[in-house]
Amino acid sequence: MAALMGRLPSLGLRWRLAAWVAAVMLISTAVTFVVVYRGSGTQLRAQIDREMDDAANDLVRAITVSGEQTTPGVVQAADRYLQQQPFRSTSTLLLALAPSVRARPGETQLFADGRREAVESPAEEARARGVESQLTHAPAGYSTFSGRDLGRLRLLKRVIRLPAGCR
C-alpha cells in the first residue's frame, strides 16, 4: 500500500481521482454489505424465534385443552399433538419432556424412533446420550446449541406447570 501511495504523486490527476473514487466505492460497498448482512441475520433470528414461540404455544395449548389431570395423560396428549405435526427438513422440532416419566429401555435417544440401531457402537451411544443430556439441560429461554452431527440449533426451552391435580 505504501508503494502505491508513493507512486500516486507521479500519476496524473485523472488516475489519482480514479483510485480515490475506487477506494471510496470499495469501502462503501463493504460497509453496506456488513450492515445488510447483520440486519438480515437479526431479522431471520427474530423470525425463527417467533416461529418457535408459536409452536411451543400450540403445544402448550394442546396439552391444556386436553383436560388431562394425570402426568401419563398429559404426556399422551403431548404425544398425540406431536405425532400430528408434519416433519420436513425445515421443521421446528418439538419435544415434551416430563420429569416423572422414565423412558423405556431402547427409547432413551432423543432423535430416535424407539428402535435401537444395530450398528451403533457403545461410543456412539454414549455420544448421543451426551448430546441428549446437553439439549435437555439447556437453560430456559432461547439459546444456541452446536453439535458435531447436528450443526447449530436454535433452542427454546419452556417449562410449563402441569395442572394442579396432575400426579
N, C-alpha and C. Protein backbone atom coordinates (compact mmCIF):
# COMPACT_ATOMS: atom_id res chain seq x y z
N MET A 1 0.83 -1.18 0.00
CA MET A 1 0.00 0.00 0.00
C MET A 1 0.87 1.25 0.00
N ALA A 2 1.96 1.22 0.80
CA ALA A 2 2.86 2.38 0.85
C ALA A 2 3.51 2.60 -0.49
N ALA A 3 3.83 1.52 -1.20
CA ALA A 3 4.45 1.66 -2.52
C ALA A 3 3.48 2.32 -3.48
N LEU A 4 2.20 1.94 -3.39
CA LEU A 4 1.18 2.53 -4.26
C LEU A 4 1.01 4.01 -3.94
N MET A 5 0.97 4.34 -2.63
CA MET A 5 0.81 5.74 -2.23
C MET A 5 2.02 6.56 -2.67
N GLY A 6 3.21 5.94 -2.65
CA GLY A 6 4.41 6.64 -3.10
C GLY A 6 4.39 6.92 -4.59
N ARG A 7 3.70 6.06 -5.36
CA ARG A 7 3.63 6.24 -6.81
C ARG A 7 2.53 7.19 -7.23
N LEU A 8 1.55 7.44 -6.34
CA LEU A 8 0.43 8.30 -6.71
C LEU A 8 0.85 9.70 -7.17
N PRO A 9 1.81 10.35 -6.50
CA PRO A 9 2.18 11.69 -6.97
C PRO A 9 2.71 11.69 -8.41
N SER A 10 3.32 10.59 -8.86
CA SER A 10 3.86 10.56 -10.22
C SER A 10 2.77 10.29 -11.26
N LEU A 11 1.60 9.81 -10.81
CA LEU A 11 0.49 9.56 -11.72
C LEU A 11 -0.24 10.87 -11.99
N GLY A 12 -0.98 10.88 -13.03
CA GLY A 12 -1.74 12.08 -13.36
C GLY A 12 -2.93 12.25 -12.42
N LEU A 13 -3.52 13.43 -12.45
CA LEU A 13 -4.67 13.74 -11.59
C LEU A 13 -5.83 12.80 -11.88
N ARG A 14 -6.03 12.48 -13.13
CA ARG A 14 -7.12 11.58 -13.52
C ARG A 14 -6.97 10.23 -12.83
N TRP A 15 -5.78 9.65 -12.80
CA TRP A 15 -5.56 8.35 -12.18
C TRP A 15 -5.69 8.41 -10.67
N ARG A 16 -5.21 9.50 -10.08
CA ARG A 16 -5.34 9.64 -8.62
C ARG A 16 -6.81 9.74 -8.22
N LEU A 17 -7.58 10.53 -8.96
CA LEU A 17 -9.01 10.65 -8.67
C LEU A 17 -9.73 9.31 -8.85
N ALA A 18 -9.38 8.58 -9.89
CA ALA A 18 -9.99 7.27 -10.13
C ALA A 18 -9.66 6.31 -8.99
N ALA A 19 -8.42 6.35 -8.51
CA ALA A 19 -8.02 5.48 -7.39
C ALA A 19 -8.79 5.83 -6.13
N TRP A 20 -8.96 7.12 -5.85
CA TRP A 20 -9.70 7.54 -4.66
C TRP A 20 -11.17 7.17 -4.78
N VAL A 21 -11.75 7.37 -5.94
CA VAL A 21 -13.16 7.00 -6.14
C VAL A 21 -13.34 5.49 -5.97
N ALA A 22 -12.42 4.72 -6.52
CA ALA A 22 -12.49 3.26 -6.38
C ALA A 22 -12.37 2.85 -4.92
N ALA A 23 -11.45 3.48 -4.19
CA ALA A 23 -11.28 3.16 -2.77
C ALA A 23 -12.54 3.50 -1.98
N VAL A 24 -13.12 4.68 -2.24
CA VAL A 24 -14.34 5.07 -1.54
C VAL A 24 -15.49 4.12 -1.88
N MET A 25 -15.61 3.72 -3.12
CA MET A 25 -16.66 2.78 -3.54
C MET A 25 -16.46 1.41 -2.87
N LEU A 26 -15.22 0.97 -2.82
CA LEU A 26 -14.93 -0.32 -2.20
C LEU A 26 -15.28 -0.30 -0.71
N ILE A 27 -14.89 0.74 -0.03
CA ILE A 27 -15.18 0.86 1.40
C ILE A 27 -16.69 0.97 1.62
N SER A 28 -17.37 1.78 0.80
CA SER A 28 -18.83 1.94 0.93
C SER A 28 -19.55 0.62 0.70
N THR A 29 -19.12 -0.13 -0.30
CA THR A 29 -19.73 -1.42 -0.60
C THR A 29 -19.51 -2.40 0.55
N ALA A 30 -18.31 -2.41 1.12
CA ALA A 30 -18.02 -3.31 2.24
C ALA A 30 -18.88 -2.96 3.46
N VAL A 31 -18.99 -1.68 3.77
CA VAL A 31 -19.79 -1.26 4.92
C VAL A 31 -21.26 -1.61 4.68
N THR A 32 -21.77 -1.37 3.48
CA THR A 32 -23.16 -1.70 3.15
C THR A 32 -23.40 -3.20 3.29
N PHE A 33 -22.46 -3.99 2.79
CA PHE A 33 -22.60 -5.44 2.89
C PHE A 33 -22.69 -5.88 4.34
N VAL A 34 -21.82 -5.37 5.19
CA VAL A 34 -21.81 -5.76 6.61
C VAL A 34 -23.13 -5.37 7.28
N VAL A 35 -23.61 -4.15 7.00
CA VAL A 35 -24.85 -3.68 7.62
C VAL A 35 -26.03 -4.55 7.17
N VAL A 36 -26.13 -4.84 5.88
CA VAL A 36 -27.23 -5.66 5.36
C VAL A 36 -27.13 -7.08 5.90
N TYR A 37 -25.93 -7.63 5.94
CA TYR A 37 -25.73 -8.99 6.43
C TYR A 37 -26.16 -9.12 7.88
N ARG A 38 -25.71 -8.19 8.72
CA ARG A 38 -26.07 -8.24 10.13
C ARG A 38 -27.57 -8.01 10.32
N GLY A 39 -28.15 -7.08 9.58
CA GLY A 39 -29.58 -6.82 9.70
C GLY A 39 -30.41 -8.02 9.27
N SER A 40 -30.01 -8.67 8.19
CA SER A 40 -30.74 -9.86 7.72
C SER A 40 -30.64 -10.99 8.73
N GLY A 41 -29.46 -11.18 9.31
CA GLY A 41 -29.29 -12.22 10.33
C GLY A 41 -30.16 -11.96 11.54
N THR A 42 -30.25 -10.71 11.96
CA THR A 42 -31.08 -10.36 13.10
C THR A 42 -32.56 -10.60 12.79
N GLN A 43 -33.00 -10.20 11.59
CA GLN A 43 -34.39 -10.43 11.21
C GLN A 43 -34.70 -11.92 11.11
N LEU A 44 -33.80 -12.68 10.54
CA LEU A 44 -34.02 -14.12 10.40
C LEU A 44 -34.09 -14.79 11.77
N ARG A 45 -33.18 -14.42 12.68
CA ARG A 45 -33.21 -14.99 14.02
C ARG A 45 -34.51 -14.63 14.74
N ALA A 46 -34.98 -13.39 14.57
CA ALA A 46 -36.24 -12.98 15.20
C ALA A 46 -37.41 -13.77 14.63
N GLN A 47 -37.40 -14.02 13.32
CA GLN A 47 -38.47 -14.80 12.69
C GLN A 47 -38.45 -16.24 13.20
N ILE A 48 -37.27 -16.82 13.30
CA ILE A 48 -37.16 -18.20 13.81
C ILE A 48 -37.64 -18.26 15.25
N ASP A 49 -37.26 -17.27 16.05
CA ASP A 49 -37.70 -17.24 17.45
C ASP A 49 -39.22 -17.13 17.55
N ARG A 50 -39.84 -16.31 16.69
CA ARG A 50 -41.31 -16.19 16.70
C ARG A 50 -41.97 -17.51 16.33
N GLU A 51 -41.43 -18.19 15.31
CA GLU A 51 -41.99 -19.47 14.88
C GLU A 51 -41.85 -20.52 15.99
N MET A 52 -40.70 -20.53 16.66
CA MET A 52 -40.51 -21.47 17.76
C MET A 52 -41.46 -21.16 18.90
N ASP A 53 -41.65 -19.89 19.21
CA ASP A 53 -42.56 -19.49 20.27
C ASP A 53 -43.99 -19.89 19.93
N ASP A 54 -44.40 -19.68 18.67
CA ASP A 54 -45.74 -20.09 18.24
C ASP A 54 -45.93 -21.60 18.36
N ALA A 55 -44.92 -22.37 17.93
CA ALA A 55 -45.01 -23.83 18.01
C ALA A 55 -45.10 -24.28 19.47
N ALA A 56 -44.31 -23.67 20.34
CA ALA A 56 -44.37 -24.02 21.76
C ALA A 56 -45.73 -23.66 22.35
N ASN A 57 -46.27 -22.49 21.97
CA ASN A 57 -47.60 -22.10 22.46
C ASN A 57 -48.67 -23.08 22.00
N ASP A 58 -48.57 -23.54 20.75
CA ASP A 58 -49.54 -24.52 20.23
C ASP A 58 -49.46 -25.83 21.02
N LEU A 59 -48.25 -26.26 21.34
CA LEU A 59 -48.08 -27.48 22.12
C LEU A 59 -48.68 -27.31 23.52
N VAL A 60 -48.41 -26.20 24.16
CA VAL A 60 -48.95 -25.93 25.50
C VAL A 60 -50.48 -25.89 25.44
N ARG A 61 -51.02 -25.24 24.40
CA ARG A 61 -52.48 -25.15 24.24
C ARG A 61 -53.09 -26.53 24.06
N ALA A 62 -52.43 -27.39 23.26
CA ALA A 62 -52.94 -28.75 23.03
C ALA A 62 -52.96 -29.54 24.34
N ILE A 63 -51.94 -29.35 25.16
CA ILE A 63 -51.89 -30.05 26.45
C ILE A 63 -52.99 -29.52 27.37
N THR A 64 -53.14 -28.21 27.40
CA THR A 64 -54.12 -27.58 28.29
C THR A 64 -55.55 -27.93 27.88
N VAL A 65 -55.83 -27.88 26.58
CA VAL A 65 -57.18 -28.16 26.08
C VAL A 65 -57.57 -29.62 26.29
N SER A 66 -56.59 -30.50 26.37
CA SER A 66 -56.90 -31.93 26.53
C SER A 66 -57.63 -32.20 27.84
N GLY A 67 -57.41 -31.35 28.83
CA GLY A 67 -58.09 -31.53 30.11
C GLY A 67 -57.55 -32.69 30.94
N GLU A 68 -56.43 -33.25 30.53
CA GLU A 68 -55.84 -34.37 31.26
C GLU A 68 -55.41 -33.92 32.65
N GLN A 69 -55.58 -34.80 33.64
CA GLN A 69 -55.26 -34.46 35.02
C GLN A 69 -54.19 -35.35 35.63
N THR A 70 -53.64 -36.25 34.82
CA THR A 70 -52.56 -37.11 35.32
C THR A 70 -51.34 -36.90 34.43
N THR A 71 -50.16 -37.17 34.98
CA THR A 71 -48.94 -36.99 34.20
C THR A 71 -48.94 -37.89 32.96
N PRO A 72 -49.29 -39.18 33.07
CA PRO A 72 -49.32 -40.00 31.85
C PRO A 72 -50.32 -39.46 30.82
N GLY A 73 -51.46 -38.94 31.29
CA GLY A 73 -52.44 -38.37 30.37
C GLY A 73 -51.91 -37.13 29.67
N VAL A 74 -51.19 -36.29 30.39
CA VAL A 74 -50.59 -35.10 29.79
C VAL A 74 -49.53 -35.51 28.78
N VAL A 75 -48.73 -36.51 29.13
CA VAL A 75 -47.70 -37.00 28.20
C VAL A 75 -48.36 -37.55 26.94
N GLN A 76 -49.46 -38.28 27.08
CA GLN A 76 -50.17 -38.81 25.91
C GLN A 76 -50.75 -37.68 25.06
N ALA A 77 -51.29 -36.65 25.70
CA ALA A 77 -51.84 -35.51 24.95
C ALA A 77 -50.73 -34.82 24.17
N ALA A 78 -49.57 -34.65 24.79
CA ALA A 78 -48.43 -34.05 24.10
C ALA A 78 -47.98 -34.93 22.95
N ASP A 79 -47.94 -36.25 23.19
CA ASP A 79 -47.51 -37.18 22.15
C ASP A 79 -48.48 -37.17 20.97
N ARG A 80 -49.79 -37.12 21.26
CA ARG A 80 -50.78 -37.06 20.16
C ARG A 80 -50.55 -35.80 19.32
N TYR A 81 -50.35 -34.68 19.98
CA TYR A 81 -50.12 -33.42 19.25
C TYR A 81 -48.85 -33.51 18.40
N LEU A 82 -47.79 -34.02 18.99
CA LEU A 82 -46.51 -34.09 18.28
C LEU A 82 -46.57 -35.04 17.09
N GLN A 83 -47.32 -36.15 17.23
CA GLN A 83 -47.44 -37.11 16.13
C GLN A 83 -48.21 -36.53 14.94
N GLN A 84 -49.06 -35.54 15.19
CA GLN A 84 -49.86 -34.93 14.12
C GLN A 84 -49.08 -33.89 13.32
N GLN A 85 -47.92 -33.50 13.82
CA GLN A 85 -47.16 -32.44 13.15
C GLN A 85 -46.40 -33.01 11.96
N PRO A 86 -46.44 -32.29 10.83
CA PRO A 86 -45.66 -32.76 9.67
C PRO A 86 -44.18 -32.54 9.93
N PHE A 87 -43.36 -33.39 9.36
CA PHE A 87 -41.92 -33.23 9.52
C PHE A 87 -41.29 -32.98 8.17
N ARG A 88 -40.58 -31.88 8.09
CA ARG A 88 -39.79 -31.53 6.91
C ARG A 88 -38.40 -31.14 7.39
N SER A 89 -37.48 -31.00 6.46
CA SER A 89 -36.12 -30.65 6.87
C SER A 89 -36.07 -29.27 7.51
N THR A 90 -37.06 -28.42 7.26
CA THR A 90 -37.09 -27.09 7.85
C THR A 90 -38.03 -27.01 9.05
N SER A 91 -38.51 -28.13 9.52
CA SER A 91 -39.48 -28.14 10.60
C SER A 91 -38.87 -27.71 11.93
N THR A 92 -39.74 -27.23 12.79
CA THR A 92 -39.36 -26.97 14.17
C THR A 92 -39.51 -28.29 14.91
N LEU A 93 -38.49 -28.68 15.63
CA LEU A 93 -38.53 -29.92 16.38
C LEU A 93 -39.07 -29.62 17.76
N LEU A 94 -40.19 -30.25 18.10
CA LEU A 94 -40.81 -30.06 19.40
C LEU A 94 -40.57 -31.29 20.26
N LEU A 95 -40.21 -31.07 21.50
CA LEU A 95 -40.02 -32.16 22.44
C LEU A 95 -40.81 -31.84 23.69
N ALA A 96 -41.47 -32.83 24.23
CA ALA A 96 -42.16 -32.67 25.50
C ALA A 96 -41.54 -33.66 26.47
N LEU A 97 -40.89 -33.14 27.49
CA LEU A 97 -40.22 -33.98 28.47
C LEU A 97 -40.93 -33.85 29.81
N ALA A 98 -41.32 -34.98 30.37
CA ALA A 98 -41.97 -34.98 31.68
C ALA A 98 -40.98 -35.61 32.66
N PRO A 99 -40.58 -34.86 33.69
CA PRO A 99 -39.54 -35.38 34.60
C PRO A 99 -39.93 -36.64 35.34
N SER A 100 -41.21 -36.87 35.58
CA SER A 100 -41.59 -38.05 36.35
C SER A 100 -41.81 -39.28 35.48
N VAL A 101 -41.71 -39.15 34.18
CA VAL A 101 -41.92 -40.28 33.27
C VAL A 101 -40.57 -40.75 32.77
N ARG A 102 -40.23 -41.97 33.05
CA ARG A 102 -38.95 -42.54 32.65
C ARG A 102 -39.08 -43.18 31.27
N ALA A 103 -38.03 -43.03 30.48
CA ALA A 103 -38.01 -43.67 29.16
C ALA A 103 -37.83 -45.17 29.34
N ARG A 104 -38.44 -45.91 28.45
CA ARG A 104 -38.28 -47.37 28.49
C ARG A 104 -36.95 -47.73 27.82
N PRO A 105 -36.35 -48.86 28.17
CA PRO A 105 -35.09 -49.25 27.54
C PRO A 105 -35.24 -49.27 26.02
N GLY A 106 -34.23 -48.76 25.35
CA GLY A 106 -34.28 -48.71 23.89
C GLY A 106 -34.94 -47.43 23.37
N GLU A 107 -35.50 -46.61 24.26
CA GLU A 107 -36.15 -45.37 23.83
C GLU A 107 -35.49 -44.15 24.45
N THR A 108 -34.24 -44.27 24.82
CA THR A 108 -33.59 -43.17 25.51
C THR A 108 -33.02 -42.13 24.56
N GLN A 109 -32.96 -42.42 23.28
CA GLN A 109 -32.37 -41.46 22.36
C GLN A 109 -33.38 -40.42 21.96
N LEU A 110 -32.94 -39.19 22.00
CA LEU A 110 -33.82 -38.06 21.70
C LEU A 110 -34.28 -38.06 20.25
N PHE A 111 -33.39 -38.37 19.33
CA PHE A 111 -33.72 -38.28 17.91
C PHE A 111 -33.92 -39.65 17.29
N ALA A 112 -34.42 -40.57 18.03
CA ALA A 112 -34.64 -41.92 17.52
C ALA A 112 -36.13 -42.23 17.53
N ASP A 113 -36.51 -43.27 16.81
CA ASP A 113 -37.92 -43.65 16.75
C ASP A 113 -38.24 -44.81 17.70
N GLY A 114 -37.39 -45.04 18.66
CA GLY A 114 -37.66 -46.11 19.62
C GLY A 114 -36.95 -47.41 19.30
N ARG A 115 -36.42 -47.54 18.11
CA ARG A 115 -35.70 -48.76 17.73
C ARG A 115 -34.21 -48.49 17.83
N ARG A 116 -33.50 -49.39 18.41
CA ARG A 116 -32.06 -49.24 18.53
C ARG A 116 -31.40 -49.65 17.23
N GLU A 117 -30.46 -48.83 16.79
CA GLU A 117 -29.73 -49.18 15.57
C GLU A 117 -28.74 -50.29 15.89
N ALA A 118 -28.75 -51.32 15.07
CA ALA A 118 -27.90 -52.48 15.34
C ALA A 118 -26.42 -52.14 15.16
N VAL A 119 -26.09 -51.15 14.34
CA VAL A 119 -24.70 -50.85 14.05
C VAL A 119 -24.11 -49.78 14.97
N GLU A 120 -24.89 -49.30 15.91
CA GLU A 120 -24.41 -48.23 16.78
C GLU A 120 -23.48 -48.80 17.84
N SER A 121 -22.29 -48.26 17.89
CA SER A 121 -21.31 -48.73 18.87
C SER A 121 -21.60 -48.12 20.24
N PRO A 122 -21.05 -48.70 21.28
CA PRO A 122 -21.23 -48.12 22.62
C PRO A 122 -20.71 -46.67 22.70
N ALA A 123 -19.63 -46.36 21.98
CA ALA A 123 -19.10 -44.99 21.98
C ALA A 123 -20.10 -44.03 21.31
N GLU A 124 -20.72 -44.47 20.22
CA GLU A 124 -21.72 -43.64 19.55
C GLU A 124 -22.94 -43.44 20.44
N GLU A 125 -23.35 -44.49 21.14
CA GLU A 125 -24.48 -44.38 22.07
C GLU A 125 -24.16 -43.39 23.18
N ALA A 126 -22.95 -43.47 23.72
CA ALA A 126 -22.55 -42.55 24.79
C ALA A 126 -22.53 -41.11 24.28
N ARG A 127 -22.05 -40.89 23.07
CA ARG A 127 -22.02 -39.55 22.49
C ARG A 127 -23.43 -39.03 22.28
N ALA A 128 -24.34 -39.89 21.81
CA ALA A 128 -25.74 -39.48 21.60
C ALA A 128 -26.39 -39.14 22.94
N ARG A 129 -26.10 -39.92 23.98
CA ARG A 129 -26.65 -39.61 25.30
C ARG A 129 -26.10 -38.28 25.83
N GLY A 130 -24.83 -37.99 25.50
CA GLY A 130 -24.23 -36.71 25.91
C GLY A 130 -24.91 -35.53 25.24
N VAL A 131 -25.20 -35.66 23.93
CA VAL A 131 -25.90 -34.60 23.20
C VAL A 131 -27.31 -34.45 23.77
N GLU A 132 -27.97 -35.58 24.01
CA GLU A 132 -29.32 -35.55 24.58
C GLU A 132 -29.32 -34.84 25.93
N SER A 133 -28.32 -35.13 26.74
CA SER A 133 -28.23 -34.50 28.06
C SER A 133 -28.02 -33.00 27.93
N GLN A 134 -27.15 -32.58 27.00
CA GLN A 134 -26.92 -31.15 26.80
C GLN A 134 -28.20 -30.45 26.36
N LEU A 135 -28.95 -31.07 25.47
CA LEU A 135 -30.18 -30.45 24.97
C LEU A 135 -31.25 -30.38 26.05
N THR A 136 -31.40 -31.44 26.80
CA THR A 136 -32.46 -31.46 27.81
C THR A 136 -32.12 -30.61 29.02
N HIS A 137 -30.83 -30.33 29.24
CA HIS A 137 -30.43 -29.50 30.38
C HIS A 137 -30.07 -28.08 29.95
N ALA A 138 -30.50 -27.68 28.77
CA ALA A 138 -30.26 -26.31 28.32
C ALA A 138 -31.00 -25.34 29.23
N PRO A 139 -30.52 -24.12 29.35
CA PRO A 139 -31.22 -23.14 30.20
C PRO A 139 -32.58 -22.79 29.60
N ALA A 140 -33.49 -22.36 30.46
CA ALA A 140 -34.81 -21.93 29.99
C ALA A 140 -34.65 -20.70 29.12
N GLY A 141 -35.50 -20.57 28.11
CA GLY A 141 -35.43 -19.45 27.19
C GLY A 141 -34.72 -19.84 25.90
N TYR A 142 -34.29 -18.86 25.17
CA TYR A 142 -33.61 -19.09 23.89
C TYR A 142 -32.12 -19.32 24.10
N SER A 143 -31.57 -20.26 23.34
CA SER A 143 -30.13 -20.49 23.35
C SER A 143 -29.75 -21.13 22.02
N THR A 144 -28.47 -21.21 21.78
CA THR A 144 -27.96 -21.84 20.56
C THR A 144 -27.08 -23.00 20.97
N PHE A 145 -27.26 -24.13 20.31
CA PHE A 145 -26.51 -25.34 20.60
C PHE A 145 -25.73 -25.73 19.35
N SER A 146 -24.48 -26.09 19.51
CA SER A 146 -23.67 -26.57 18.40
C SER A 146 -23.29 -28.01 18.68
N GLY A 147 -23.70 -28.88 17.77
CA GLY A 147 -23.38 -30.30 17.91
C GLY A 147 -22.64 -30.78 16.68
N ARG A 148 -21.80 -31.79 16.86
CA ARG A 148 -20.98 -32.29 15.76
C ARG A 148 -21.84 -32.78 14.60
N ASP A 149 -22.84 -33.57 14.88
CA ASP A 149 -23.69 -34.12 13.83
C ASP A 149 -24.88 -33.22 13.51
N LEU A 150 -25.24 -32.34 14.43
CA LEU A 150 -26.45 -31.55 14.28
C LEU A 150 -26.21 -30.16 13.72
N GLY A 151 -24.99 -29.67 13.78
CA GLY A 151 -24.73 -28.30 13.38
C GLY A 151 -25.21 -27.35 14.46
N ARG A 152 -25.55 -26.13 14.05
CA ARG A 152 -26.04 -25.14 15.01
C ARG A 152 -27.56 -25.21 15.09
N LEU A 153 -28.07 -25.35 16.29
CA LEU A 153 -29.51 -25.41 16.53
C LEU A 153 -29.93 -24.23 17.39
N ARG A 154 -31.05 -23.64 17.06
CA ARG A 154 -31.63 -22.60 17.90
C ARG A 154 -32.64 -23.29 18.80
N LEU A 155 -32.52 -23.11 20.10
CA LEU A 155 -33.37 -23.80 21.06
C LEU A 155 -34.25 -22.82 21.82
N LEU A 156 -35.45 -23.26 22.11
CA LEU A 156 -36.33 -22.56 23.04
C LEU A 156 -36.78 -23.60 24.05
N LYS A 157 -36.39 -23.40 25.29
CA LYS A 157 -36.82 -24.32 26.35
C LYS A 157 -37.83 -23.58 27.20
N ARG A 158 -39.01 -24.15 27.28
CA ARG A 158 -40.08 -23.56 28.08
C ARG A 158 -40.55 -24.60 29.08
N VAL A 159 -40.53 -24.23 30.32
CA VAL A 159 -41.00 -25.10 31.38
C VAL A 159 -42.45 -24.72 31.66
N ILE A 160 -43.33 -25.72 31.62
CA ILE A 160 -44.73 -25.44 31.93
C ILE A 160 -45.13 -26.21 33.18
N ARG A 161 -46.05 -25.67 33.86
CA ARG A 161 -46.57 -26.33 35.05
C ARG A 161 -47.76 -27.18 34.66
N LEU A 162 -47.76 -28.41 35.13
CA LEU A 162 -48.88 -29.31 34.85
C LEU A 162 -50.09 -28.88 35.69
N PRO A 163 -51.28 -29.29 35.29
CA PRO A 163 -52.46 -28.93 36.07
C PRO A 163 -52.29 -29.31 37.53
N ALA A 164 -52.96 -28.55 38.41
CA ALA A 164 -52.79 -28.71 39.86
C ALA A 164 -53.02 -30.14 40.34
N GLY A 165 -54.00 -30.83 39.78
CA GLY A 165 -54.31 -32.19 40.25
C GLY A 165 -53.45 -33.25 39.59
N CYS A 166 -52.53 -32.87 38.75
CA CYS A 166 -51.72 -33.83 37.99
C CYS A 166 -50.75 -34.56 38.92
N ARG A 167 -50.74 -35.85 38.83
CA ARG A 167 -49.81 -36.64 39.65
C ARG A 167 -49.23 -37.77 38.84
